[in-house]
PDB file of all heavy atoms in Angstrom:
ATOM      1  N   SER A   1      81.533  98.149  95.635  1.00  0.00           N
ATOM      2  CA  SER A   1      82.448  98.062  96.785  1.00  0.00           C
ATOM      3  C   SER A   1      83.873  97.773  96.311  1.00  0.00           C
ATOM      4  O   SER A   1      84.829  98.341  96.837  1.00  0.00           O
ATOM      5  CB  SER A   1      81.999  96.972  97.751  1.00  0.00           C
ATOM      6  OG  SER A   1      80.778  97.318  98.338  1.00  0.00           O
ATOM      7  N   LEU A   2      84.011  96.909  95.314  1.00  0.00           N
ATOM      8  CA  LEU A   2      85.344  96.610  94.771  1.00  0.00           C
ATOM      9  C   LEU A   2      85.942  97.832  94.089  1.00  0.00           C
ATOM     10  O   LEU A   2      87.127  98.132  94.264  1.00  0.00           O
ATOM     11  CB  LEU A   2      85.273  95.454  93.776  1.00  0.00           C
ATOM     12  CG  LEU A   2      85.066  94.077  94.361  1.00  0.00           C
ATOM     13  CD1 LEU A   2      84.922  93.048  93.244  1.00  0.00           C
ATOM     14  CD2 LEU A   2      86.188  93.687  95.303  1.00  0.00           C
ATOM     15  N   VAL A   3      85.121  98.553  93.325  1.00  0.00           N
ATOM     16  CA  VAL A   3      85.615  99.759  92.660  1.00  0.00           C
ATOM     17  C   VAL A   3      86.077 100.778  93.698  1.00  0.00           C
ATOM     18  O   VAL A   3      87.152 101.370  93.567  1.00  0.00           O
ATOM     19  CB  VAL A   3      84.530 100.356  91.737  1.00  0.00           C
ATOM     20  CG1 VAL A   3      84.936 101.742  91.223  1.00  0.00           C
ATOM     21  CG2 VAL A   3      84.253  99.419  90.571  1.00  0.00           C
ATOM     22  N   ASN A   4      85.291 100.959  94.757  1.00  0.00           N
ATOM     23  CA  ASN A   4      85.667 101.896  95.819  1.00  0.00           C
ATOM     24  C   ASN A   4      86.953 101.456  96.509  1.00  0.00           C
ATOM     25  O   ASN A   4      87.832 102.284  96.806  1.00  0.00           O
ATOM     26  CB  ASN A   4      84.537 102.029  96.841  1.00  0.00           C
ATOM     27  CG  ASN A   4      83.323 102.710  96.273  1.00  0.00           C
ATOM     28  OD1 ASN A   4      83.391 103.412  95.269  1.00  0.00           O
ATOM     29  ND2 ASN A   4      82.183 102.489  96.911  1.00  0.00           N
ATOM     30  N   LEU A   5      87.078 100.161  96.780  1.00  0.00           N
ATOM     31  CA  LEU A   5      88.279  99.625  97.419  1.00  0.00           C
ATOM     32  C   LEU A   5      89.514  99.904  96.574  1.00  0.00           C
ATOM     33  O   LEU A   5      90.506 100.443  97.061  1.00  0.00           O
ATOM     34  CB  LEU A   5      88.135  98.122  97.649  1.00  0.00           C
ATOM     35  CG  LEU A   5      89.417  97.380  98.042  1.00  0.00           C
ATOM     36  CD1 LEU A   5      89.874  97.798  99.428  1.00  0.00           C
ATOM     37  CD2 LEU A   5      89.211  95.879  97.957  1.00  0.00           C
ATOM     38  N   TRP A   6      89.459  99.542  95.300  1.00  0.00           N
ATOM     39  CA  TRP A   6      90.640  99.690  94.441  1.00  0.00           C
ATOM     40  C   TRP A   6      90.935 101.148  94.118  1.00  0.00           C
ATOM     41  O   TRP A   6      92.100 101.534  93.955  1.00  0.00           O
ATOM     42  CB  TRP A   6      90.498  98.834  93.182  1.00  0.00           C
ATOM     43  CG  TRP A   6      90.635  97.393  93.551  1.00  0.00           C
ATOM     44  CD1 TRP A   6      89.655  96.458  93.589  1.00  0.00           C
ATOM     45  CD2 TRP A   6      91.820  96.736  94.017  1.00  0.00           C
ATOM     46  NE1 TRP A   6      90.171  95.258  94.039  1.00  0.00           N
ATOM     47  CE2 TRP A   6      91.487  95.391  94.305  1.00  0.00           C
ATOM     48  CE3 TRP A   6      93.130  97.154  94.217  1.00  0.00           C
ATOM     49  CZ2 TRP A   6      92.416  94.480  94.777  1.00  0.00           C
ATOM     50  CZ3 TRP A   6      94.056  96.232  94.695  1.00  0.00           C
ATOM     51  CH2 TRP A   6      93.695  94.909  94.965  1.00  0.00           C
ATOM     52  N   THR A   7      89.914 101.987  94.078  1.00  0.00           N
ATOM     53  CA  THR A   7      90.152 103.419  93.892  1.00  0.00           C
ATOM     54  C   THR A   7      90.925 103.973  95.093  1.00  0.00           C
ATOM     55  O   THR A   7      91.942 104.658  94.929  1.00  0.00           O
ATOM     56  CB  THR A   7      88.820 104.174  93.719  1.00  0.00           C
ATOM     57  OG1 THR A   7      88.155 103.672  92.555  1.00  0.00           O
ATOM     58  CG2 THR A   7      89.052 105.675  93.585  1.00  0.00           C
ATOM     59  N   ALA A   8      90.453 103.667  96.281  1.00  0.00           N
ATOM     60  CA  ALA A   8      91.116 104.150  97.493  1.00  0.00           C
ATOM     61  C   ALA A   8      92.517 103.581  97.611  1.00  0.00           C
ATOM     62  O   ALA A   8      93.472 104.304  97.963  1.00  0.00           O
ATOM     63  CB  ALA A   8      90.291 103.783  98.731  1.00  0.00           C
ATOM     64  N   TYR A   9      92.690 102.306  97.304  1.00  0.00           N
ATOM     65  CA  TYR A   9      94.005 101.680  97.421  1.00  0.00           C
ATOM     66  C   TYR A   9      95.000 102.292  96.429  1.00  0.00           C
ATOM     67  O   TYR A   9      96.141 102.569  96.785  1.00  0.00           O
ATOM     68  CB  TYR A   9      93.889 100.165  97.198  1.00  0.00           C
ATOM     69  CG  TYR A   9      95.177  99.446  97.455  1.00  0.00           C
ATOM     70  CD1 TYR A   9      95.702  99.371  98.740  1.00  0.00           C
ATOM     71  CD2 TYR A   9      95.881  98.860  96.417  1.00  0.00           C
ATOM     72  CE1 TYR A   9      96.895  98.721  98.984  1.00  0.00           C
ATOM     73  CE2 TYR A   9      97.075  98.205  96.665  1.00  0.00           C
ATOM     74  CZ  TYR A   9      97.577  98.136  97.938  1.00  0.00           C
ATOM     75  OH  TYR A   9      98.760  97.500  98.168  1.00  0.00           O
ATOM     76  N   ASN A  10      94.551 102.522  95.199  1.00  0.00           N
ATOM     77  CA  ASN A  10      95.459 103.111  94.210  1.00  0.00           C
ATOM     78  C   ASN A  10      95.805 104.556  94.551  1.00  0.00           C
ATOM     79  O   ASN A  10      96.936 104.986  94.324  1.00  0.00           O
ATOM     80  CB  ASN A  10      94.863 102.985  92.806  1.00  0.00           C
ATOM     81  CG  ASN A  10      95.092 101.598  92.259  1.00  0.00           C
ATOM     82  OD1 ASN A  10      96.213 101.239  91.923  1.00  0.00           O
ATOM     83  ND2 ASN A  10      94.030 100.813  92.185  1.00  0.00           N
ATOM     84  N   ARG A  11      94.875 105.296  95.129  1.00  0.00           N
ATOM     85  CA  ARG A  11      95.204 106.650  95.588  1.00  0.00           C
ATOM     86  C   ARG A  11      96.235 106.598  96.709  1.00  0.00           C
ATOM     87  O   ARG A  11      97.137 107.437  96.773  1.00  0.00           O
ATOM     88  CB  ARG A  11      93.936 107.368  96.051  1.00  0.00           C
ATOM     89  CG  ARG A  11      93.071 107.795  94.903  1.00  0.00           C
ATOM     90  CD  ARG A  11      91.874 108.584  95.350  1.00  0.00           C
ATOM     91  NE  ARG A  11      91.125 109.016  94.173  1.00  0.00           N
ATOM     92  CZ  ARG A  11      89.833 109.191  94.153  1.00  0.00           C
ATOM     93  NH1 ARG A  11      89.110 109.006  95.247  1.00  0.00           N
ATOM     94  NH2 ARG A  11      89.223 109.572  93.059  1.00  0.00           N
ATOM     95  N   HIS A  12      96.094 105.621  97.572  1.00  0.00           N
ATOM     96  CA  HIS A  12      97.070 105.430  98.658  1.00  0.00           C
ATOM     97  C   HIS A  12      98.459 105.125  98.083  1.00  0.00           C
ATOM     98  O   HIS A  12      99.455 105.718  98.511  1.00  0.00           O
ATOM     99  CB  HIS A  12      96.594 104.294  99.566  1.00  0.00           C
ATOM    100  CG  HIS A  12      97.564 103.916 100.625  1.00  0.00           C
ATOM    101  ND1 HIS A  12      97.868 104.750 101.683  1.00  0.00           N
ATOM    102  CD2 HIS A  12      98.305 102.797 100.787  1.00  0.00           C
ATOM    103  CE1 HIS A  12      98.761 104.153 102.451  1.00  0.00           C
ATOM    104  NE2 HIS A  12      99.039 102.968 101.932  1.00  0.00           N
ATOM    105  N   LEU A  13      98.516 104.230  97.110  1.00  0.00           N
ATOM    106  CA  LEU A  13      99.803 103.904  96.475  1.00  0.00           C
ATOM    107  C   LEU A  13     100.401 105.130  95.790  1.00  0.00           C
ATOM    108  O   LEU A  13     101.624 105.348  95.856  1.00  0.00           O
ATOM    109  CB  LEU A  13      99.635 102.766  95.468  1.00  0.00           C
ATOM    110  CG  LEU A  13      99.306 101.399  96.061  1.00  0.00           C
ATOM    111  CD1 LEU A  13      99.083 100.387  94.949  1.00  0.00           C
ATOM    112  CD2 LEU A  13     100.396 100.927  97.011  1.00  0.00           C
ATOM    113  N   CYS A  14      99.581 105.930  95.149  1.00  0.00           N
ATOM    114  CA  CYS A  14     100.073 107.159  94.508  1.00  0.00           C
ATOM    115  C   CYS A  14     100.673 108.116  95.536  1.00  0.00           C
ATOM    116  O   CYS A  14     101.711 108.738  95.288  1.00  0.00           O
ATOM    117  CB  CYS A  14      98.953 107.848  93.741  1.00  0.00           C
ATOM    118  SG  CYS A  14      98.484 106.995  92.227  1.00  0.00           S
ATOM    119  N   ALA A  15     100.035 108.219  96.694  1.00  0.00           N
ATOM    120  CA  ALA A  15     100.550 109.090  97.751  1.00  0.00           C
ATOM    121  C   ALA A  15     101.906 108.586  98.240  1.00  0.00           C
ATOM    122  O   ALA A  15     102.816 109.382  98.501  1.00  0.00           O
ATOM    123  CB  ALA A  15      99.564 109.171  98.910  1.00  0.00           C
ATOM    124  N   ILE A  16     102.062 107.282  98.341  1.00  0.00           N
ATOM    125  CA  ILE A  16     103.356 106.701  98.744  1.00  0.00           C
ATOM    126  C   ILE A  16     104.414 107.032  97.694  1.00  0.00           C
ATOM    127  O   ILE A  16     105.515 107.485  98.030  1.00  0.00           O
ATOM    128  CB  ILE A  16     103.244 105.187  98.948  1.00  0.00           C
ATOM    129  CG1 ILE A  16     102.381 104.880 100.170  1.00  0.00           C
ATOM    130  CG2 ILE A  16     104.632 104.547  99.074  1.00  0.00           C
ATOM    131  CD1 ILE A  16     102.011 103.416 100.325  1.00  0.00           C
ATOM    132  N   LEU A  17     104.089 106.803  96.426  1.00  0.00           N
ATOM    133  CA  LEU A  17     105.046 107.079  95.353  1.00  0.00           C
ATOM    134  C   LEU A  17     105.425 108.565  95.321  1.00  0.00           C
ATOM    135  O   LEU A  17     106.574 108.907  95.083  1.00  0.00           O
ATOM    136  CB  LEU A  17     104.491 106.632  94.003  1.00  0.00           C
ATOM    137  CG  LEU A  17     104.382 105.133  93.812  1.00  0.00           C
ATOM    138  CD1 LEU A  17     103.661 104.809  92.511  1.00  0.00           C
ATOM    139  CD2 LEU A  17     105.744 104.457  93.859  1.00  0.00           C
ATOM    140  N   ASP A  18     104.460 109.431  95.563  1.00  0.00           N
ATOM    141  CA  ASP A  18     104.735 110.881  95.581  1.00  0.00           C
ATOM    142  C   ASP A  18     105.709 111.270  96.685  1.00  0.00           C
ATOM    143  O   ASP A  18     106.393 112.276  96.583  1.00  0.00           O
ATOM    144  CB  ASP A  18     103.446 111.680  95.744  1.00  0.00           C
ATOM    145  CG  ASP A  18     102.632 111.773  94.469  1.00  0.00           C
ATOM    146  OD1 ASP A  18     103.179 111.484  93.386  1.00  0.00           O
ATOM    147  OD2 ASP A  18     101.445 112.126  94.571  1.00  0.00           O
ATOM    148  N   SER A  19     105.764 110.481  97.744  1.00  0.00           N
ATOM    149  CA  SER A  19     106.629 110.828  98.881  1.00  0.00           C
ATOM    150  C   SER A  19     108.045 110.248  98.761  1.00  0.00           C
ATOM    151  O   SER A  19     108.898 110.566  99.570  1.00  0.00           O
ATOM    152  CB  SER A  19     105.987 110.356 100.186  1.00  0.00           C
ATOM    153  OG  SER A  19     106.016 108.948 100.264  1.00  0.00           O
ATOM    154  N   LEU A  20     108.283 109.403  97.759  1.00  0.00           N
ATOM    155  CA  LEU A  20     109.609 108.796  97.600  1.00  0.00           C
ATOM    156  C   LEU A  20     110.598 109.798  97.017  1.00  0.00           C
ATOM    157  O   LEU A  20     110.228 110.619  96.173  1.00  0.00           O
ATOM    158  CB  LEU A  20     109.529 107.583  96.669  1.00  0.00           C
ATOM    159  CG  LEU A  20     108.752 106.385  97.187  1.00  0.00           C
ATOM    160  CD1 LEU A  20     108.669 105.309  96.100  1.00  0.00           C
ATOM    161  CD2 LEU A  20     109.374 105.821  98.443  1.00  0.00           C
ATOM    162  N   PRO A  21     111.862 109.695  97.422  1.00  0.00           N
ATOM    163  CA  PRO A  21     112.886 110.543  96.814  1.00  0.00           C
ATOM    164  C   PRO A  21     113.018 110.224  95.321  1.00  0.00           C
ATOM    165  O   PRO A  21     112.863 109.067  94.912  1.00  0.00           O
ATOM    166  CB  PRO A  21     114.167 110.171  97.547  1.00  0.00           C
ATOM    167  CG  PRO A  21     113.737 109.405  98.751  1.00  0.00           C
ATOM    168  CD  PRO A  21     112.391 108.840  98.464  1.00  0.00           C
ATOM    169  N   ALA A  22     113.283 111.214  94.499  1.00  0.00           N
ATOM    170  CA  ALA A  22     113.352 111.041  93.042  1.00  0.00           C
ATOM    171  C   ALA A  22     114.320 109.937  92.630  1.00  0.00           C
ATOM    172  O   ALA A  22     114.036 109.179  91.714  1.00  0.00           O
ATOM    173  CB  ALA A  22     113.730 112.351  92.375  1.00  0.00           C
ATOM    174  N   GLY A  23     115.454 109.812  93.276  1.00  0.00           N
ATOM    175  CA  GLY A  23     116.442 108.809  92.896  1.00  0.00           C
ATOM    176  C   GLY A  23     115.971 107.373  93.044  1.00  0.00           C
ATOM    177  O   GLY A  23     116.432 106.474  92.352  1.00  0.00           O
ATOM    178  N   VAL A  24     115.020 107.146  93.922  1.00  0.00           N
ATOM    179  CA  VAL A  24     114.511 105.798  94.168  1.00  0.00           C
ATOM    180  C   VAL A  24     113.668 105.314  92.996  1.00  0.00           C
ATOM    181  O   VAL A  24     113.624 104.123  92.701  1.00  0.00           O
ATOM    182  CB  VAL A  24     113.686 105.772  95.475  1.00  0.00           C
ATOM    183  CG1 VAL A  24     112.985 104.454  95.689  1.00  0.00           C
ATOM    184  CG2 VAL A  24     114.574 106.089  96.661  1.00  0.00           C
ATOM    185  N   LEU A  25     112.996 106.225  92.319  1.00  0.00           N
ATOM    186  CA  LEU A  25     112.074 105.845  91.253  1.00  0.00           C
ATOM    187  C   LEU A  25     112.761 105.202  90.055  1.00  0.00           C
ATOM    188  O   LEU A  25     112.128 104.473  89.299  1.00  0.00           O
ATOM    189  CB  LEU A  25     111.260 107.052  90.800  1.00  0.00           C
ATOM    190  CG  LEU A  25     110.360 107.664  91.863  1.00  0.00           C
ATOM    191  CD1 LEU A  25     109.663 108.900  91.308  1.00  0.00           C
ATOM    192  CD2 LEU A  25     109.352 106.657  92.377  1.00  0.00           C
ATOM    193  N   SER A  26     114.041 105.435  89.881  1.00  0.00           N
ATOM    194  CA  SER A  26     114.738 104.848  88.739  1.00  0.00           C
ATOM    195  C   SER A  26     115.382 103.508  89.076  1.00  0.00           C
ATOM    196  O   SER A  26     115.919 102.839  88.189  1.00  0.00           O
ATOM    197  CB  SER A  26     115.801 105.812  88.214  1.00  0.00           C
ATOM    198  OG  SER A  26     116.773 106.044  89.215  1.00  0.00           O
ATOM    199  N   ALA A  27     115.301 103.077  90.325  1.00  0.00           N
ATOM    200  CA  ALA A  27     115.877 101.780  90.724  1.00  0.00           C
ATOM    201  C   ALA A  27     115.100 100.649  90.067  1.00  0.00           C
ATOM    202  O   ALA A  27     113.870 100.634  90.078  1.00  0.00           O
ATOM    203  CB  ALA A  27     115.826 101.631  92.240  1.00  0.00           C
ATOM    204  N   PRO A  28     115.794  99.670  89.458  1.00  0.00           N
ATOM    205  CA  PRO A  28     115.088  98.556  88.811  1.00  0.00           C
ATOM    206  C   PRO A  28     114.474  97.616  89.841  1.00  0.00           C
ATOM    207  O   PRO A  28     115.060  97.342  90.886  1.00  0.00           O
ATOM    208  CB  PRO A  28     116.185  97.858  88.016  1.00  0.00           C
ATOM    209  CG  PRO A  28     117.449  98.226  88.692  1.00  0.00           C
ATOM    210  CD  PRO A  28     117.241  99.581  89.305  1.00  0.00           C
ATOM    211  N   CYS A  29     113.272  97.159  89.551  1.00  0.00           N
ATOM    212  CA  CYS A  29     112.570  96.197  90.403  1.00  0.00           C
ATOM    213  C   CYS A  29     112.311  94.938  89.597  1.00  0.00           C
ATOM    214  O   CYS A  29     111.909  95.005  88.439  1.00  0.00           O
ATOM    215  CB  CYS A  29     111.238  96.765  90.873  1.00  0.00           C
ATOM    216  SG  CYS A  29     111.407  98.191  91.933  1.00  0.00           S
ATOM    217  N   ASN A  30     112.541  93.799  90.200  1.00  0.00           N
ATOM    218  CA  ASN A  30     112.287  92.508  89.555  1.00  0.00           C
ATOM    219  C   ASN A  30     111.008  91.917  90.121  1.00  0.00           C
ATOM    220  O   ASN A  30     110.875  91.763  91.326  1.00  0.00           O
ATOM    221  CB  ASN A  30     113.443  91.534  89.813  1.00  0.00           C
ATOM    222  CG  ASN A  30     114.750  92.045  89.258  1.00  0.00           C
ATOM    223  OD1 ASN A  30     114.813  92.468  88.124  1.00  0.00           O
ATOM    224  ND2 ASN A  30     115.783  92.026  90.066  1.00  0.00           N
ATOM    225  N   ILE A  31     110.072  91.599  89.244  1.00  0.00           N
ATOM    226  CA  ILE A  31     108.822  90.967  89.655  1.00  0.00           C
ATOM    227  C   ILE A  31     108.629  89.728  88.806  1.00  0.00           C
ATOM    228  O   ILE A  31     108.449  89.822  87.587  1.00  0.00           O
ATOM    229  CB  ILE A  31     107.618  91.924  89.505  1.00  0.00           C
ATOM    230  CG1 ILE A  31     107.844  93.186  90.341  1.00  0.00           C
ATOM    231  CG2 ILE A  31     106.319  91.226  89.909  1.00  0.00           C
ATOM    232  CD1 ILE A  31     106.805  94.252  90.156  1.00  0.00           C
ATOM    233  N   GLY A  32     108.685  88.567  89.438  1.00  0.00           N
ATOM    234  CA  GLY A  32     108.526  87.315  88.703  1.00  0.00           C
ATOM    235  C   GLY A  32     109.609  87.140  87.656  1.00  0.00           C
ATOM    236  O   GLY A  32     110.769  87.458  87.884  1.00  0.00           O
ATOM    237  N   GLN A  33     109.214  86.689  86.488  1.00  0.00           N
ATOM    238  CA  GLN A  33     110.167  86.413  85.408  1.00  0.00           C
ATOM    239  C   GLN A  33     110.330  87.586  84.431  1.00  0.00           C
ATOM    240  O   GLN A  33     111.108  87.510  83.494  1.00  0.00           O
ATOM    241  CB  GLN A  33     109.703  85.173  84.628  1.00  0.00           C
ATOM    242  CG  GLN A  33     109.584  83.920  85.466  1.00  0.00           C
ATOM    243  CD  GLN A  33     110.904  83.513  86.111  1.00  0.00           C
ATOM    244  OE1 GLN A  33     111.950  83.553  85.468  1.00  0.00           O
ATOM    245  NE2 GLN A  33     110.856  83.161  87.380  1.00  0.00           N
ATOM    246  N   ALA A  34     109.587  88.670  84.661  1.00  0.00           N
ATOM    247  CA  ALA A  34     109.651  89.828  83.763  1.00  0.00           C
ATOM    248  C   ALA A  34     111.002  90.533  83.875  1.00  0.00           C
ATOM    249  O   ALA A  34     111.703  90.400  84.871  1.00  0.00           O
ATOM    250  CB  ALA A  34     108.525  90.802  84.079  1.00  0.00           C
ATOM    251  N   GLU A  35     111.320  91.294  82.852  1.00  0.00           N
ATOM    252  CA  GLU A  35     112.543  92.098  82.876  1.00  0.00           C
ATOM    253  C   GLU A  35     112.424  93.161  83.977  1.00  0.00           C
ATOM    254  O   GLU A  35     111.330  93.660  84.246  1.00  0.00           O
ATOM    255  CB  GLU A  35     112.731  92.791  81.522  1.00  0.00           C
ATOM    256  CG  GLU A  35     113.129  91.851  80.411  1.00  0.00           C
ATOM    257  CD  GLU A  35     114.511  91.264  80.621  1.00  0.00           C
ATOM    258  OE1 GLU A  35     115.443  92.017  80.990  1.00  0.00           O
ATOM    259  OE2 GLU A  35     114.648  90.044  80.427  1.00  0.00           O
ATOM    260  N   PRO A  36     113.536  93.493  84.618  1.00  0.00           N
ATOM    261  CA  PRO A  36     113.500  94.557  85.633  1.00  0.00           C
ATOM    262  C   PRO A  36     112.940  95.859  85.032  1.00  0.00           C
ATOM    263  O   PRO A  36     113.209  96.170  83.882  1.00  0.00           O
ATOM    264  CB  PRO A  36     114.968  94.729  86.025  1.00  0.00           C
ATOM    265  CG  PRO A  36     115.610  93.440  85.659  1.00  0.00           C
ATOM    266  CD  PRO A  36     114.877  92.935  84.458  1.00  0.00           C
TER     267      PRO A  36
END
């Protein structure tokens, strides 16, 4: 059930990323203390 959940969720995230304009993908994102 967990594998199915995360498979479906990651496919959903991929579909979202595929729909973003190309220029947005190069924008830096800050998460926690990691480098952008």
